[in-house]
Amino acid sequence: MQPSSKSGAQRQREQVSTSLPRSTELFSPRQTLATMSGLLLVLFLAILDQTIVATALPRIGADLGGFEVLSWITTGYLLASTVTIPIYGKLSDLVGRKPILLASIGLFLIGSALSGLAQSLTQLIIFRTLQGLGAGGLQPVVSATVGDLFAPRERGKWMGITGGMYALGSIIGPLAGGWLTDRLSWRWIFSLNVPIGLAALLVLIMMMPELRPGRQTVSIDYAGVLLLTLGTIPLLLAFSWAGNQYPWLSPQIMTLLGAGLVFLCLLVIYEHHQERRGKEPILEPSLFVASWGVFGIASLVTFLLNMALLGSAYFIPLFAQGVIGTSATNSGLITIPLALTAIGGAVLSGLLLSWSGRYRWLAIGGALAAVAGSLCLVRLNASSGWSDLLIAMLVLGFGMGTGQAIYTTIVQNALPQKIGQATAALAFFRQLGGTLSIAILGGVLSASYTPAFQAALPAALRDRLPASVNVLFANPLILLSSGQTLTRLRAGFLAAGSQGAAAYQALVQAVREALASSLHQAFLISFLLSGLTFIAVWFLQELPLRSKRDLTSTGASQ
């Protein structure tokens, strides 16, 4: 026998080509479309639930009390859903997609129903956390199921549609939350999930194929689950609380960060040991070096891209209302242009991926769009108008949509036998990047605003300004307040005549200039992260995307 002259890269390409699942021929168009309809509906509910609650929090606090722990309604859901993402992905590889997905939907609906019936804030936090435990399995298992139903070449357009669901949920969430709270009750925010979710559940029970795993034995890595939980929760808490409840360098934040890093280091060591013994670790370290390093680069790009873009998108309404002066009555409408181009970018990139079978140039183009959108945000200042912000949102949204759509297909194509684990890990890094970004950019915003406000005040006014007024205007959200505090303060200044009116206008202008300056610092960090993303994406290797016809011919020849 002649020794093989093929390079490692060629062997890797052949391994990806021949190891892809060939079961796509078993599913009828009716079964596939019905399953995808149920999956998209479930995914939409999961995304919607991340954004719909924010607008209802003041009303919930007024009804149930406990303002000091009100944020835990969101924090509990975030912790539960983020930590469980990798766990669900690995379990779906071991047990099968359908039972894990149905169990996740069941938990999500039970948590939704109980949240709508909660009689105290403590109950609502517990039930909302239960809802998050179910939601953690929806996003990764839905994406993994798409990977099972379609060959990689056909998978792109469906991944584009699922990516568009993220943007669609971000549009409808704040609007639906405000409308349901004002017209009906905040309880409908949770209760409405039940009939819609049950309809999707019935469709999936009857029409979704089993998608059974190839493994005959199942071994669950309980120690890995525990270490992952102990490592992730302190980090999420630290970045959620830093700059808000505790200073960044406080003992509480430093302890949480230290504990999280220690447990994550122990997780890597333990999982490496488990993998060497041939066990089934919850997150295999070899994923980051296998398949030409495609998974490692895709995870890094996804993490950086979401840090760069989601944090910026989060603070765009603040710029629109606080600097430009857009009305806060329909604040959920402000980011609609961004969300629409995100949907367009996701669908278009998915279609181009299916048409061309190549993803590297799409990834580079998406990263370039992210850099351009971040640069547009950096150029905003206190004199910018709505048209300037609109252009920035349109470009930024396209970069966001492209990033959501293609990377799931990329990692599934590189790791066809570990679709669930790879998809879930990518979703984990995506959500972690967004969470860290909002926390970090929020800290930068808070730290830079006060010095910028003092610098923007005229020297004569700064020396004569009462301490109480200085403290009041040290918070930029004073411009967004609809209460009577700002009205009374303005009336007091106007009572002093033309000089009082001029002083009041100088104060307001100082707040706007300081807010624009501090947001500039946050947007600048996003721009730098976008630049790192653009550099990292050039290291992404191109592996062939096979079509259904290719898989059929491969199966016939084996």
Protein backbone atom coordinates (compact mmCIF):
# COMPACT_ATOMS: atom_id res chain seq x y z
CA MET A 1 0.00 0.00 0.00
CA GLN A 2 1.29 3.43 -0.97
CA PRO A 3 1.62 5.92 1.88
CA SER A 4 -0.94 8.66 1.75
CA SER A 5 0.28 11.89 0.21
CA LYS A 6 -2.71 13.89 1.34
CA SER A 7 -2.14 16.83 3.61
CA GLY A 8 -3.78 17.21 7.00
CA ALA A 9 -6.02 19.90 5.55
CA GLN A 10 -7.21 17.59 2.76
CA ARG A 11 -7.92 14.79 5.22
CA GLN A 12 -9.84 17.23 7.42
CA ARG A 13 -11.98 18.34 4.47
CA GLU A 14 -12.71 14.72 3.54
CA GLN A 15 -13.60 13.87 7.14
CA VAL A 16 -16.10 16.72 7.28
CA SER A 17 -17.54 15.74 3.92
CA THR A 18 -18.08 12.06 4.69
CA SER A 19 -19.11 12.26 8.34
CA LEU A 20 -22.12 14.50 7.81
CA PRO A 21 -25.49 12.96 8.70
CA ARG A 22 -27.29 11.40 5.77
CA SER A 23 -30.73 11.19 7.39
CA THR A 24 -32.07 14.26 5.63
CA GLU A 25 -33.64 12.05 2.95
CA LEU A 26 -35.92 10.46 5.59
CA PHE A 27 -37.94 13.60 6.25
CA SER A 28 -40.88 14.53 4.02
CA PRO A 29 -41.44 18.20 3.05
CA ARG A 30 -44.64 18.24 5.12
CA GLN A 31 -42.85 16.90 8.19
CA THR A 32 -39.95 19.29 7.73
CA LEU A 33 -42.09 22.41 7.27
CA ALA A 34 -44.37 21.53 10.20
CA THR A 35 -41.35 20.92 12.43
CA MET A 36 -39.70 24.19 11.37
CA SER A 37 -42.93 26.10 12.03
CA GLY A 38 -43.05 24.74 15.59
CA LEU A 39 -39.33 25.36 16.12
CA LEU A 40 -39.48 28.98 14.90
CA LEU A 41 -42.51 29.69 17.10
CA VAL A 42 -40.75 28.29 20.16
CA LEU A 43 -37.57 30.22 19.35
CA PHE A 44 -39.57 33.43 18.94
CA LEU A 45 -41.15 32.97 22.38
CA ALA A 46 -37.72 32.43 23.95
CA ILE A 47 -36.27 35.58 22.35
CA LEU A 48 -39.41 37.59 23.09
CA ASP A 49 -39.23 36.69 26.77
CA GLN A 50 -35.76 38.23 27.08
CA THR A 51 -37.04 41.70 26.11
CA ILE A 52 -40.74 41.80 26.92
CA VAL A 53 -40.39 42.04 30.71
CA ALA A 54 -38.26 45.21 30.91
CA THR A 55 -41.11 47.62 30.12
CA ALA A 56 -43.36 45.98 32.71
CA LEU A 57 -40.94 46.06 35.66
CA PRO A 58 -42.21 49.37 37.14
CA ARG A 59 -45.81 48.11 37.13
CA ILE A 60 -44.78 44.75 38.60
CA GLY A 61 -42.90 46.53 41.38
CA ALA A 62 -45.92 48.71 42.11
CA ASP A 63 -48.25 45.70 42.33
CA LEU A 64 -46.02 43.27 44.25
CA GLY A 65 -43.64 45.62 46.08
CA GLY A 66 -40.00 44.83 46.84
CA PHE A 67 -38.22 47.34 44.63
CA GLU A 68 -34.87 46.41 46.17
CA VAL A 69 -34.98 42.93 44.56
CA LEU A 70 -37.00 43.83 41.46
CA SER A 71 -34.00 43.33 39.17
CA TRP A 72 -33.88 39.65 40.14
CA ILE A 73 -36.87 39.05 37.87
CA THR A 74 -34.47 39.58 34.99
CA THR A 75 -31.28 38.39 36.70
CA GLY A 76 -32.74 35.03 37.76
CA TYR A 77 -33.98 34.33 34.24
CA LEU A 78 -30.62 35.34 32.74
CA LEU A 79 -28.59 33.15 35.10
CA ALA A 80 -30.78 30.08 34.63
CA SER A 81 -31.00 30.34 30.85
CA THR A 82 -27.29 31.07 30.30
CA VAL A 83 -25.85 28.39 32.57
CA THR A 84 -28.05 25.63 31.16
CA ILE A 85 -27.32 26.31 27.46
CA PRO A 86 -24.20 24.05 27.22
CA ILE A 87 -25.88 21.40 29.37
CA TYR A 88 -28.92 21.11 27.10
CA GLY A 89 -26.73 21.02 24.00
CA LYS A 90 -24.65 18.11 25.28
CA LEU A 91 -27.71 16.23 26.52
CA SER A 92 -29.36 16.58 23.11
CA ASP A 93 -26.32 14.87 21.57
CA LEU A 94 -26.54 12.04 24.11
CA VAL A 95 -30.29 11.55 24.54
CA GLY A 96 -31.70 13.00 21.30
CA ARG A 97 -33.09 16.37 20.22
CA LYS A 98 -36.81 15.71 20.60
CA PRO A 99 -37.03 14.63 24.28
CA ILE A 100 -34.70 17.43 25.39
CA LEU A 101 -36.58 20.05 23.36
CA LEU A 102 -40.00 18.90 24.61
CA ALA A 103 -38.76 18.89 28.21
CA SER A 104 -37.37 22.42 27.76
CA ILE A 105 -40.66 23.67 26.32
CA GLY A 106 -42.56 22.03 29.18
CA LEU A 107 -40.40 23.74 31.82
CA PHE A 108 -40.71 27.05 29.99
CA LEU A 109 -44.51 26.84 29.83
CA ILE A 110 -44.85 25.75 33.47
CA GLY A 111 -42.65 28.68 34.52
CA SER A 112 -44.69 31.04 32.33
CA ALA A 113 -48.03 29.90 33.74
CA LEU A 114 -46.82 30.13 37.35
CA SER A 115 -45.25 33.56 36.71
CA GLY A 116 -48.59 34.85 35.49
CA LEU A 117 -50.21 33.60 38.71
CA ALA A 118 -47.52 34.84 41.13
CA GLN A 119 -48.86 36.58 44.25
CA SER A 120 -45.58 37.95 45.57
CA LEU A 121 -42.30 39.17 44.16
CA THR A 122 -40.47 36.19 45.70
CA GLN A 123 -42.81 33.79 43.91
CA LEU A 124 -42.36 35.65 40.63
CA ILE A 125 -38.56 35.50 40.90
CA ILE A 126 -38.67 31.74 41.57
CA PHE A 127 -41.12 31.03 38.75
CA ARG A 128 -39.24 33.32 36.37
CA THR A 129 -36.04 31.39 37.16
CA LEU A 130 -37.89 28.15 36.41
CA GLN A 131 -38.93 29.69 33.11
CA GLY A 132 -35.27 30.46 32.42
CA LEU A 133 -34.31 26.84 33.11
CA GLY A 134 -36.57 25.85 30.25
CA ALA A 135 -35.55 28.72 27.97
CA GLY A 136 -31.90 27.66 28.18
CA GLY A 137 -32.68 24.62 26.06
CA LEU A 138 -34.81 26.31 23.42
CA GLN A 139 -32.24 28.32 21.47
CA PRO A 140 -29.42 25.74 21.20
CA VAL A 141 -31.62 22.68 20.63
CA VAL A 142 -33.72 24.47 17.99
CA SER A 143 -30.54 25.40 16.08
CA ALA A 144 -29.14 21.88 16.51
CA THR A 145 -32.40 20.42 15.16
CA VAL A 146 -32.11 22.62 12.07
CA GLY A 147 -28.65 21.12 11.65
CA ASP A 148 -30.16 17.62 11.73
CA LEU A 149 -32.99 18.37 9.32
CA PHE A 150 -30.94 19.96 6.56
CA ALA A 151 -27.61 19.41 4.87
CA PRO A 152 -25.09 22.24 5.46
CA ARG A 153 -25.60 23.81 2.02
CA GLU A 154 -29.41 23.99 2.50
CA ARG A 155 -29.06 24.84 6.17
CA GLY A 156 -27.88 28.40 5.53
CA LYS A 157 -31.21 29.90 4.53
CA TRP A 158 -32.98 28.35 7.52
CA MET A 159 -30.28 29.59 9.87
CA GLY A 160 -30.79 33.02 8.33
CA ILE A 161 -34.48 32.85 9.18
CA THR A 162 -33.76 31.72 12.75
CA GLY A 163 -31.23 34.54 13.05
CA GLY A 164 -33.91 36.97 11.93
CA MET A 165 -36.13 35.75 14.77
CA TYR A 166 -33.66 37.28 17.24
CA ALA A 167 -34.12 40.71 15.71
CA LEU A 168 -37.88 40.27 15.36
CA GLY A 169 -38.17 39.39 19.04
CA SER A 170 -36.19 42.50 19.97
CA ILE A 171 -38.68 44.64 18.01
CA ILE A 172 -41.90 43.14 19.29
CA GLY A 173 -40.76 42.50 22.87
CA PRO A 174 -40.70 46.08 24.25
CA LEU A 175 -43.78 47.06 22.24
CA ALA A 176 -45.79 44.01 23.33
CA GLY A 177 -44.67 44.40 26.94
CA GLY A 178 -45.82 48.00 27.10
CA TRP A 179 -49.10 47.34 25.28
CA LEU A 180 -50.08 44.31 27.38
CA THR A 181 -49.16 46.08 30.62
CA ASP A 182 -51.15 49.23 29.76
CA ARG A 183 -54.19 47.59 28.15
CA LEU A 184 -54.56 44.35 30.12
CA SER A 185 -52.13 43.40 32.89
CA TRP A 186 -48.45 42.59 33.27
CA ARG A 187 -49.54 39.00 34.02
CA TRP A 188 -50.44 38.56 30.35
CA ILE A 189 -46.76 38.96 29.47
CA PHE A 190 -46.22 35.50 30.96
CA SER A 191 -49.64 33.91 30.49
CA LEU A 192 -49.72 34.57 26.74
CA ASN A 193 -46.82 32.14 26.30
CA VAL A 194 -48.98 29.22 27.40
CA PRO A 195 -51.53 28.89 24.55
CA ILE A 196 -48.95 29.75 21.87
CA GLY A 197 -46.36 27.42 23.39
CA LEU A 198 -48.88 24.59 23.74
CA ALA A 199 -49.78 24.90 20.05
CA ALA A 200 -46.11 24.64 19.10
CA LEU A 201 -45.62 21.76 21.54
CA LEU A 202 -48.45 19.74 19.98
CA VAL A 203 -47.09 20.31 16.48
CA LEU A 204 -43.62 19.13 17.55
CA ILE A 205 -44.97 16.09 19.39
CA MET A 206 -46.87 14.92 16.32
CA MET A 207 -44.58 16.02 13.48
CA MET A 208 -40.99 16.35 14.72
CA PRO A 209 -38.84 13.32 13.84
CA GLU A 210 -37.08 11.50 16.66
CA LEU A 211 -33.53 12.42 15.54
CA ARG A 212 -32.12 9.72 17.78
CA PRO A 213 -28.43 9.91 18.67
CA GLY A 214 -25.96 7.35 17.42
CA ARG A 215 -24.75 6.46 20.94
CA GLN A 216 -26.12 3.39 22.64
CA THR A 217 -25.02 4.33 26.16
CA VAL A 218 -25.52 7.64 27.93
CA SER A 219 -23.11 8.97 30.56
CA ILE A 220 -23.92 12.35 32.07
CA ASP A 221 -21.07 14.49 33.37
CA TYR A 222 -22.61 15.64 36.66
CA ALA A 223 -19.33 17.02 38.04
CA GLY A 224 -18.82 19.04 34.87
CA VAL A 225 -22.35 20.45 35.16
CA LEU A 226 -21.64 21.49 38.76
CA LEU A 227 -18.30 23.13 37.90
CA LEU A 228 -19.83 24.94 34.91
CA THR A 229 -22.62 26.28 37.12
CA LEU A 230 -20.25 27.35 39.90
CA GLY A 231 -18.00 29.08 37.38
CA THR A 232 -20.60 30.87 35.28
CA ILE A 233 -23.01 32.20 37.93
CA PRO A 234 -20.42 34.25 39.88
CA LEU A 235 -19.13 35.80 36.65
CA LEU A 236 -22.60 36.75 35.48
CA LEU A 237 -23.48 38.17 38.89
CA ALA A 238 -20.23 40.14 39.03
CA PHE A 239 -20.76 41.76 35.65
CA SER A 240 -24.45 42.37 36.34
CA TRP A 241 -23.81 44.06 39.69
CA ALA A 242 -20.52 45.87 38.94
CA GLY A 243 -21.04 49.60 38.60
CA ASN A 244 -24.65 49.35 39.80
CA GLN A 245 -24.93 47.75 43.23
CA TYR A 246 -21.19 47.62 43.96
CA PRO A 247 -18.11 49.46 42.62
CA TRP A 248 -16.05 47.54 40.08
CA LEU A 249 -13.09 47.13 42.44
CA SER A 250 -15.18 46.35 45.53
CA PRO A 251 -14.44 43.17 47.55
CA GLN A 252 -17.81 41.72 46.52
CA ILE A 253 -17.13 42.00 42.78
CA MET A 254 -13.52 40.87 43.08
CA THR A 255 -14.58 37.82 45.11
CA LEU A 256 -17.21 36.84 42.56
CA LEU A 257 -14.79 37.25 39.66
CA GLY A 258 -12.09 35.28 41.45
CA ALA A 259 -14.45 32.45 42.38
CA GLY A 260 -15.81 32.24 38.84
CA LEU A 261 -12.35 32.07 37.27
CA VAL A 262 -11.17 29.43 39.74
CA PHE A 263 -14.12 27.14 39.04
CA LEU A 264 -13.82 27.63 35.28
CA CYS A 265 -10.13 26.69 35.45
CA LEU A 266 -11.07 23.59 37.42
CA LEU A 267 -13.71 22.84 34.78
CA VAL A 268 -11.14 22.95 31.95
CA ILE A 269 -8.74 20.68 33.86
CA TYR A 270 -11.48 18.21 34.80
CA GLU A 271 -13.05 18.11 31.34
CA HIS A 272 -9.64 17.54 29.73
CA HIS A 273 -9.10 14.62 32.10
CA GLN A 274 -12.55 13.20 31.31
CA GLU A 275 -11.98 13.49 27.57
CA ARG A 276 -8.64 11.68 27.79
CA ARG A 277 -10.39 8.84 29.61
CA GLY A 278 -12.94 8.52 26.80
CA LYS A 279 -15.82 9.91 28.84
CA GLU A 280 -18.49 12.41 27.73
CA PRO A 281 -17.55 15.81 29.24
CA ILE A 282 -20.24 18.49 29.17
CA LEU A 283 -17.89 20.75 27.17
CA GLU A 284 -15.01 19.02 25.38
CA PRO A 285 -11.79 21.10 25.36
CA SER A 286 -10.76 19.49 22.07
CA LEU A 287 -13.57 21.36 20.30
CA PHE A 288 -11.43 24.49 20.37
CA VAL A 289 -8.56 22.84 18.48
CA ALA A 290 -10.45 20.30 16.38
CA SER A 291 -11.65 20.83 12.82
CA TRP A 292 -8.81 23.15 11.89
CA GLY A 293 -9.69 25.36 14.82
CA VAL A 294 -12.92 26.48 13.10
CA PHE A 295 -14.94 26.18 16.28
CA GLY A 296 -12.43 28.13 18.33
CA ILE A 297 -12.26 31.01 15.84
CA ALA A 298 -16.05 31.02 15.33
CA SER A 299 -16.60 31.14 19.10
CA LEU A 300 -14.11 33.99 19.51
CA VAL A 301 -15.66 35.97 16.64
CA THR A 302 -19.20 35.39 17.97
CA PHE A 303 -18.16 36.46 21.47
CA LEU A 304 -16.39 39.62 20.27
CA LEU A 305 -19.09 40.47 17.73
CA ASN A 306 -21.84 40.35 20.33
CA MET A 307 -19.75 42.32 22.80
CA ALA A 308 -19.23 44.97 20.14
CA LEU A 309 -22.74 45.18 18.74
CA LEU A 310 -25.26 44.22 21.42
CA GLY A 311 -23.81 46.67 23.93
CA SER A 312 -23.96 49.47 21.38
CA ALA A 313 -27.53 48.60 20.41
CA TYR A 314 -28.53 48.59 24.08
CA PHE A 315 -27.47 52.23 24.55
CA ILE A 316 -28.82 53.61 21.27
CA PRO A 317 -32.24 54.52 22.80
CA LEU A 318 -30.42 56.45 25.54
CA PHE A 319 -28.60 58.51 22.92
CA ALA A 320 -31.81 59.10 20.96
CA GLN A 321 -33.78 60.27 23.98
CA GLY A 322 -31.08 61.96 26.06
CA VAL A 323 -28.97 63.65 23.36
CA ILE A 324 -31.18 64.05 20.29
CA GLY A 325 -34.33 64.57 22.35
CA THR A 326 -36.55 61.92 20.80
CA SER A 327 -39.78 61.36 22.70
CA ALA A 328 -39.70 58.45 25.15
CA THR A 329 -43.43 57.74 24.69
CA ASN A 330 -42.70 55.02 22.14
CA SER A 331 -39.13 54.18 23.14
CA GLY A 332 -39.54 50.64 21.78
CA LEU A 333 -39.85 52.08 18.26
CA ILE A 334 -36.42 53.73 18.28
CA THR A 335 -34.40 50.65 17.33
CA ILE A 336 -36.83 49.32 14.71
CA PRO A 337 -34.52 50.40 11.81
CA LEU A 338 -31.65 48.51 13.42
CA ALA A 339 -33.78 45.41 13.94
CA LEU A 340 -35.14 45.48 10.38
CA THR A 341 -31.67 45.58 8.82
CA ALA A 342 -30.59 42.85 11.24
CA ILE A 343 -33.41 40.66 9.92
CA GLY A 344 -32.48 41.55 6.36
CA GLY A 345 -28.79 40.82 6.99
CA ALA A 346 -29.57 37.47 8.60
CA VAL A 347 -31.88 36.29 5.82
CA LEU A 348 -29.68 37.61 3.01
CA SER A 349 -26.49 36.07 4.41
CA GLY A 350 -28.29 32.76 4.90
CA LEU A 351 -29.52 32.76 1.30
CA LEU A 352 -26.06 33.68 -0.02
CA LEU A 353 -24.53 30.92 2.10
CA SER A 354 -26.91 28.34 0.60
CA TRP A 355 -26.38 29.71 -2.91
CA SER A 356 -22.58 29.89 -2.86
CA GLY A 357 -21.65 27.16 -0.38
CA ARG A 358 -18.90 29.43 0.95
CA TYR A 359 -18.92 31.34 4.22
CA ARG A 360 -15.54 32.97 4.78
CA TRP A 361 -16.20 35.99 2.57
CA LEU A 362 -19.63 36.43 4.19
CA ALA A 363 -18.02 36.40 7.64
CA ILE A 364 -15.46 39.01 6.56
CA GLY A 365 -18.19 41.16 5.03
CA GLY A 366 -20.31 40.95 8.20
CA ALA A 367 -17.33 41.92 10.37
CA LEU A 368 -16.59 44.84 8.04
CA ALA A 369 -20.22 45.99 8.35
CA ALA A 370 -19.88 45.80 12.14
CA VAL A 371 -16.75 47.97 12.00
CA ALA A 372 -18.52 50.49 9.75
CA GLY A 373 -21.60 50.61 11.99
CA SER A 374 -19.49 51.06 15.13
CA LEU A 375 -17.53 53.83 13.40
CA CYS A 376 -20.80 55.62 12.59
CA LEU A 377 -21.73 55.47 16.28
CA VAL A 378 -18.31 56.80 17.34
CA ARG A 379 -18.81 59.84 15.09
CA LEU A 380 -22.04 60.82 16.88
CA ASN A 381 -21.86 63.87 19.16
CA ALA A 382 -24.10 66.35 20.95
CA SER A 383 -25.01 68.09 17.68
CA SER A 384 -25.91 64.91 15.81
CA GLY A 385 -29.44 64.50 14.49
CA TRP A 386 -31.82 61.64 13.90
CA SER A 387 -30.51 61.05 10.36
CA ASP A 388 -26.98 60.47 11.70
CA LEU A 389 -28.24 57.92 14.21
CA LEU A 390 -30.45 56.27 11.59
CA ILE A 391 -27.52 55.65 9.25
CA ALA A 392 -25.50 54.16 12.11
CA MET A 393 -28.34 51.82 13.07
CA LEU A 394 -28.90 50.64 9.51
CA VAL A 395 -25.24 49.71 9.02
CA LEU A 396 -24.86 48.25 12.51
CA GLY A 397 -27.98 46.13 12.13
CA PHE A 398 -26.68 44.53 8.96
CA GLY A 399 -23.52 43.49 10.78
CA MET A 400 -25.57 42.07 13.66
CA GLY A 401 -27.78 40.05 11.32
CA THR A 402 -24.87 38.52 9.45
CA GLY A 403 -23.19 37.54 12.69
CA GLN A 404 -26.30 35.81 14.01
CA ALA A 405 -26.93 33.80 10.86
CA ILE A 406 -23.79 32.11 9.57
CA TYR A 407 -21.65 31.02 12.50
CA THR A 408 -24.03 28.31 13.70
CA THR A 409 -23.87 26.71 10.26
CA ILE A 410 -20.08 27.06 10.25
CA VAL A 411 -19.54 25.14 13.50
CA GLN A 412 -22.17 22.53 12.69
CA ASN A 413 -20.47 21.90 9.37
CA ALA A 414 -17.07 21.51 11.07
CA LEU A 415 -18.36 19.21 13.84
CA PRO A 416 -21.18 17.14 12.32
CA GLN A 417 -21.07 14.46 15.02
CA LYS A 418 -21.28 16.99 17.86
CA ILE A 419 -23.87 19.41 16.53
CA GLY A 420 -25.76 19.82 19.80
CA GLN A 421 -22.71 20.51 21.94
CA ALA A 422 -21.06 22.83 19.39
CA THR A 423 -24.29 24.77 18.74
CA ALA A 424 -24.99 25.21 22.45
CA ALA A 425 -21.43 26.31 23.21
CA LEU A 426 -21.65 28.93 20.45
CA ALA A 427 -24.99 30.17 21.84
CA PHE A 428 -23.41 30.31 25.30
CA PHE A 429 -20.54 32.51 24.09
CA ARG A 430 -23.00 34.69 22.16
CA GLN A 431 -25.14 35.34 25.25
CA LEU A 432 -22.12 35.74 27.51
CA GLY A 433 -20.62 38.32 25.16
CA GLY A 434 -23.80 40.36 25.14
CA THR A 435 -24.13 40.23 28.93
CA LEU A 436 -20.53 41.29 29.52
CA SER A 437 -20.79 44.06 26.95
CA ILE A 438 -23.81 45.72 28.55
CA ALA A 439 -22.14 45.54 31.96
CA ILE A 440 -18.76 46.86 30.78
CA LEU A 441 -20.13 49.63 28.58
CA GLY A 442 -22.56 50.60 31.35
CA GLY A 443 -19.63 50.89 33.76
CA VAL A 444 -17.72 53.07 31.30
CA LEU A 445 -20.80 55.25 30.82
CA SER A 446 -21.30 55.73 34.56
CA ALA A 447 -17.63 56.44 35.27
CA SER A 448 -17.15 58.97 32.47
CA TYR A 449 -20.41 60.92 32.77
CA THR A 450 -19.80 62.93 35.96
CA PRO A 451 -16.38 64.35 34.92
CA ALA A 452 -17.83 65.18 31.49
CA PHE A 453 -20.82 66.94 33.08
CA GLN A 454 -18.60 69.09 35.33
CA ALA A 455 -16.41 69.98 32.35
CA ALA A 456 -19.43 70.93 30.21
CA LEU A 457 -20.85 73.33 32.83
CA PRO A 458 -19.89 77.01 32.40
CA ALA A 459 -17.42 77.97 35.12
CA ALA A 460 -19.63 80.73 36.55
CA LEU A 461 -22.63 78.41 36.78
CA ARG A 462 -20.59 75.58 38.27
CA ASP A 463 -19.45 77.80 41.16
CA ARG A 464 -22.97 79.09 41.96
CA LEU A 465 -24.95 75.90 41.48
CA PRO A 466 -26.56 74.58 44.71
CA ALA A 467 -25.29 71.17 45.78
CA SER A 468 -28.78 69.64 45.63
CA VAL A 469 -29.26 70.73 42.01
CA ASN A 470 -25.76 69.55 41.12
CA VAL A 471 -26.52 66.09 42.50
CA LEU A 472 -29.85 65.96 40.66
CA PHE A 473 -28.30 66.77 37.28
CA ALA A 474 -25.39 64.40 37.90
CA ASN A 475 -27.76 61.69 36.64
CA PRO A 476 -28.35 61.93 32.86
CA LEU A 477 -31.67 60.10 33.21
CA ILE A 478 -33.09 63.32 34.65
CA LEU A 479 -33.73 64.38 31.05
CA LEU A 480 -35.87 61.30 30.48
CA SER A 481 -37.91 61.70 33.64
CA SER A 482 -41.64 62.19 33.17
CA GLY A 483 -42.19 63.06 36.82
CA GLN A 484 -42.72 66.43 38.46
CA THR A 485 -39.20 66.88 39.82
CA LEU A 486 -37.77 68.32 36.62
CA THR A 487 -40.91 70.42 36.03
CA ARG A 488 -40.67 72.04 39.48
CA LEU A 489 -36.96 72.63 39.07
CA ARG A 490 -37.48 74.28 35.70
CA ALA A 491 -40.22 76.49 37.13
CA GLY A 492 -37.86 77.58 39.90
CA PHE A 493 -35.20 78.63 37.41
CA LEU A 494 -37.72 80.47 35.21
CA ALA A 495 -38.97 82.40 38.24
CA ALA A 496 -35.57 84.09 38.39
CA GLY A 497 -36.16 85.71 35.02
CA SER A 498 -34.01 85.61 31.90
CA GLN A 499 -30.86 84.72 33.83
CA GLY A 500 -32.61 81.76 35.45
CA ALA A 501 -33.91 80.56 32.08
CA ALA A 502 -30.40 80.82 30.61
CA ALA A 503 -28.95 78.91 33.55
CA TYR A 504 -31.52 76.15 33.14
CA GLN A 505 -30.79 75.84 29.42
CA ALA A 506 -27.05 75.70 30.19
CA LEU A 507 -27.68 72.88 32.66
CA VAL A 508 -29.70 70.86 30.17
CA GLN A 509 -27.12 71.41 27.45
CA ALA A 510 -24.33 70.31 29.82
CA VAL A 511 -26.21 67.07 30.54
CA ARG A 512 -26.63 66.39 26.82
CA GLU A 513 -23.00 67.14 26.04
CA ALA A 514 -21.80 64.99 28.95
CA LEU A 515 -24.10 62.14 27.95
CA ALA A 516 -22.89 62.33 24.35
CA SER A 517 -19.28 62.34 25.56
CA SER A 518 -19.72 59.34 27.86
CA LEU A 519 -21.64 57.40 25.20
CA HIS A 520 -18.80 58.22 22.80
CA GLN A 521 -16.43 56.41 25.17
CA ALA A 522 -18.73 53.37 25.25
CA PHE A 523 -19.14 53.37 21.46
CA LEU A 524 -15.38 53.69 21.07
CA ILE A 525 -14.89 50.45 23.01
CA SER A 526 -17.43 48.79 20.72
CA PHE A 527 -15.49 50.05 17.71
CA LEU A 528 -12.25 48.58 19.08
CA LEU A 529 -14.00 45.25 19.72
CA SER A 530 -15.34 45.33 16.16
CA GLY A 531 -11.79 45.86 14.93
CA LEU A 532 -10.63 42.81 16.88
CA THR A 533 -13.49 40.85 15.35
CA PHE A 534 -12.43 41.89 11.86
CA ILE A 535 -8.87 40.72 12.57
CA ALA A 536 -10.00 37.40 14.09
CA VAL A 537 -12.34 36.52 11.22
CA TRP A 538 -9.43 36.41 8.76
CA PHE A 539 -8.16 33.31 10.60
CA LEU A 540 -11.43 31.47 9.92
CA GLN A 541 -10.79 28.48 7.68
CA GLU A 542 -13.09 27.50 4.81
CA LEU A 543 -14.44 23.94 4.91
CA PRO A 544 -16.76 22.58 2.20
CA LEU A 545 -20.52 22.84 2.72
CA ARG A 546 -22.14 19.73 1.26
CA SER A 547 -25.59 19.76 -0.33
CA LYS A 548 -28.31 17.11 0.07
CA ARG A 549 -27.37 15.71 -3.36
CA ASP A 550 -23.75 15.38 -2.26
CA LEU A 551 -24.78 13.58 0.91
CA THR A 552 -27.04 11.23 -1.03
CA SER A 553 -24.28 10.33 -3.46
CA THR A 554 -21.85 9.85 -0.58
CA GLY A 555 -24.28 7.53 1.17
CA ALA A 556 -24.85 5.52 -2.00
CA SER A 557 -21.14 4.97 -2.46
CA GLN A 558 -20.59 3.67 1.08
